[in-house]
Each structure stands twice: as structure tokens, then as C-alpha cells.
Amino acid sequence: MNKLTSIYLDLIRFTAPLVVVLSHAAGFTSLKIPIISGLGTEAVVVFFVLSGYVIAYVSNNKENNYIPFFKARAIRIYSVLVPAILITLFLDHIGLKYNPSYYFLHSNFHNDYSIFTFIKLLFFFGEGFNQHLVFGSNEPIWSIGFECIYYILFGTLLFCRKKAFLILIFFIFIFISLPKVIVYFPLWLMGVFIYKMSNVYFKYSHFLFVLTFPLFYLTIKLPLAHIPMYKPFIWDWSQFSSILYFYLFSLVVSINIFTARAFFEFTGFEKILTSCERYIRYLSGKTFTLYLTHLPVMMLICSLYYPKSIISSLFVVVITILITFFFSSLFENKKGILFTFGRYFSSKISGVHKS
């Protein structure tokens, strides 16, 4: 992958979850940033497009067999998802003990800690069959139920010519995912498409990149419904209006990513971007944990210390981010405990498979 594109994708990878954090902060603190605070679901659309792009890249250049492909996805997901669920259980237990009313008054909170929900989330069934399962205060987990199914669908189709049983898995997950998860699959596939088009050159790509920013604003202001993607799918005009909105938003995101390299090369801003590479890489390496643990952390802090001013609200956001970064150092980083264990365990499985 081109270095400029890689750095820019990492910049997006950090910016998108930061928008999600600020969006949730608006519901718990007095920190309400115009436009930004209402773009939590749109930030997830960015995740989907970005994910499709990256998975298309690795499957084309690194993982040319279904075993390394799914192994890499499993290590990446479970090394963060499992501890995130356990952290949610622990933090929610503290919050419910000292200020239960705070939790039950918030729409983000779901008083569900059952082992069945835990298992369904681990196998990405939380959003299947048009349902929406949430483990305690950790509502952001819903997007994993979408994204991981997209991994499975893409991977099974990609490698089914080598292993016929993958076709069966493909149709099983199609059945599980109808209609809600499948209807947003094209958002993820947009990322795959722009990767396939990454070597195509357009004369005015740099101008298109600049144009995407007012297009973002215009798309958000379109008279279309903005129904969160995790809501149960209902066959009515509002639902289809919302689907159209997210499709259009993903199109603008895709154009932005596709034209970014041309913009930085044409304007000379590539020097600025590359000079910040170290910091961008560091921050992007924390984003999965930031996304999956920030809400339980923020909710606990606010249940014990309610921020009434902008300064105290900013304090809560900063502390939340720092705590999630600490969690990230434990299991998201490749030297983290669970990541290391996952690699060791999967290598043993691969060894058994080969023998």
C-alpha cells in the first residue's frame, strides 16, 4: 500500500472513533460540539468503508488462503472484544453499586449480562435475525456484529473455490444477517471497490478531495431519515430513506479516501502528513480498544462525578481516552498479553491442522 494512503487511513482510523467518543460524551456531559456530536453512526460508516479497503488489501497481498485470513481476523477481534466485554461487566458492576439510578435513566444502558448474550456477541449473532443485543452499557459493540459478518461473507466468497464448505457458511450467515446487517453490506464493499480502483488516476482528484468536505455537510443536511443502523429493520419509507442517506454518506467517504493521495501529492502537504506519521500510527494503534471500551468507562466516571461545565466535561473525555489507552497497552498492542496468547494459541492450532 502506498505510504501516503496508509498514513491517511490511520489518521481516519483514529478520527472516526474520536467522533464516536465525542458523540457519546454529548449524552453524558455538557460537551456538545455542533454537527460533530451527532455523527456517531456516520463515524461507523467510515469504519465500514475503511475496513473494506484494508481487508481487500491484505487479502490481495498478504493472506491468500482462508486459514491465515480468518486467523488474522480472529486474533485481531477477540484480543480486544473479550476483554472489552469483561471490562464492561466489571465497570458496570461498580457503577450499579454506587449509582444505579444513573444507569437505568440512560438509553445507552441495557441491563443484560446474561451468558447467552455474551456467547451471541462472541459469535457475532448480536445483530442477527433483526435483533439488537447490548451487553450492559457497551452499546458500541453492535458494529462488531456487522463488521465481522462482512469479514465472513467476504472471506467465504473469496476462498470458496478452494474449499466448497465455505459456500455453506456464506449462506448460513446471509440467512442470519437478513435483512438488517445485509442491507448495509454495500457500505463495506465500497471500501473493497475503491481499493481495487486505487491505481486509477483522475486528473482532478485533488480537487475532488477538497470537494468531499462540503459534500459531507450537504449530505448530512439532506432531508433524509437518519435511523441508526442497529435499529431493527422496518419495511417503510423512513427506513429506505435512511438507507439511502448512509449509502450517499459512504460514497462521499469513499471519494475522500480514493482522492486523498492525489491531494497530498499535488499540494505538497505530504511532508506534513509524513512528518506526523509516528504520532498518527501510535494513535491509530489504540482505536479498537478506544471504541470498544470508552462508553463503559465514561458512564462510570459520570455516574460518580457529574461534569457540569465544559472544562469538567473535557476532563471526563480526556480521562476516558487515557484509561482506554491503558487498556489498549494490555491487549490491543501486539506485545499485549491477550494478543500474544492469541498468536501462540492460533499457531498451535495451525500446527495441528498442518500435521
Foldseek 3Di string as FASTA:
>chain_A
DDPLLVLVLLLLLLVLLLLLLLLVLVVFAVRDDPPSNPCNLLSLLLVLLSLLQVLLVCCVPPNVALLVLVLVVLLQCCLQVVVLLVVLVVLVVVLCVPFVVLQVVDPLFDPDQDPVLVVCLSVLLCLWPLHHDDHGNQRLSNSVSLRVLLSLLVSLVSHCVVPVVSVVVNVVSVNRHPPLSVLCSVSNVLNSVLSVVLPPDDPCLLVLLVVLVVVLVVLVPPPAAQDRSSHRDDPDDNNVSNSVSSVSSSVSSSSNSSSVVVNCVVVVVSVVSVVCSVVSVLSSLLSVLLNRNLRSQLSSVCSVPRHHDPVVSVVSSVVSSVVSSVVCCQRSDCPHDSSVVSVVVSVVVVVVVVD
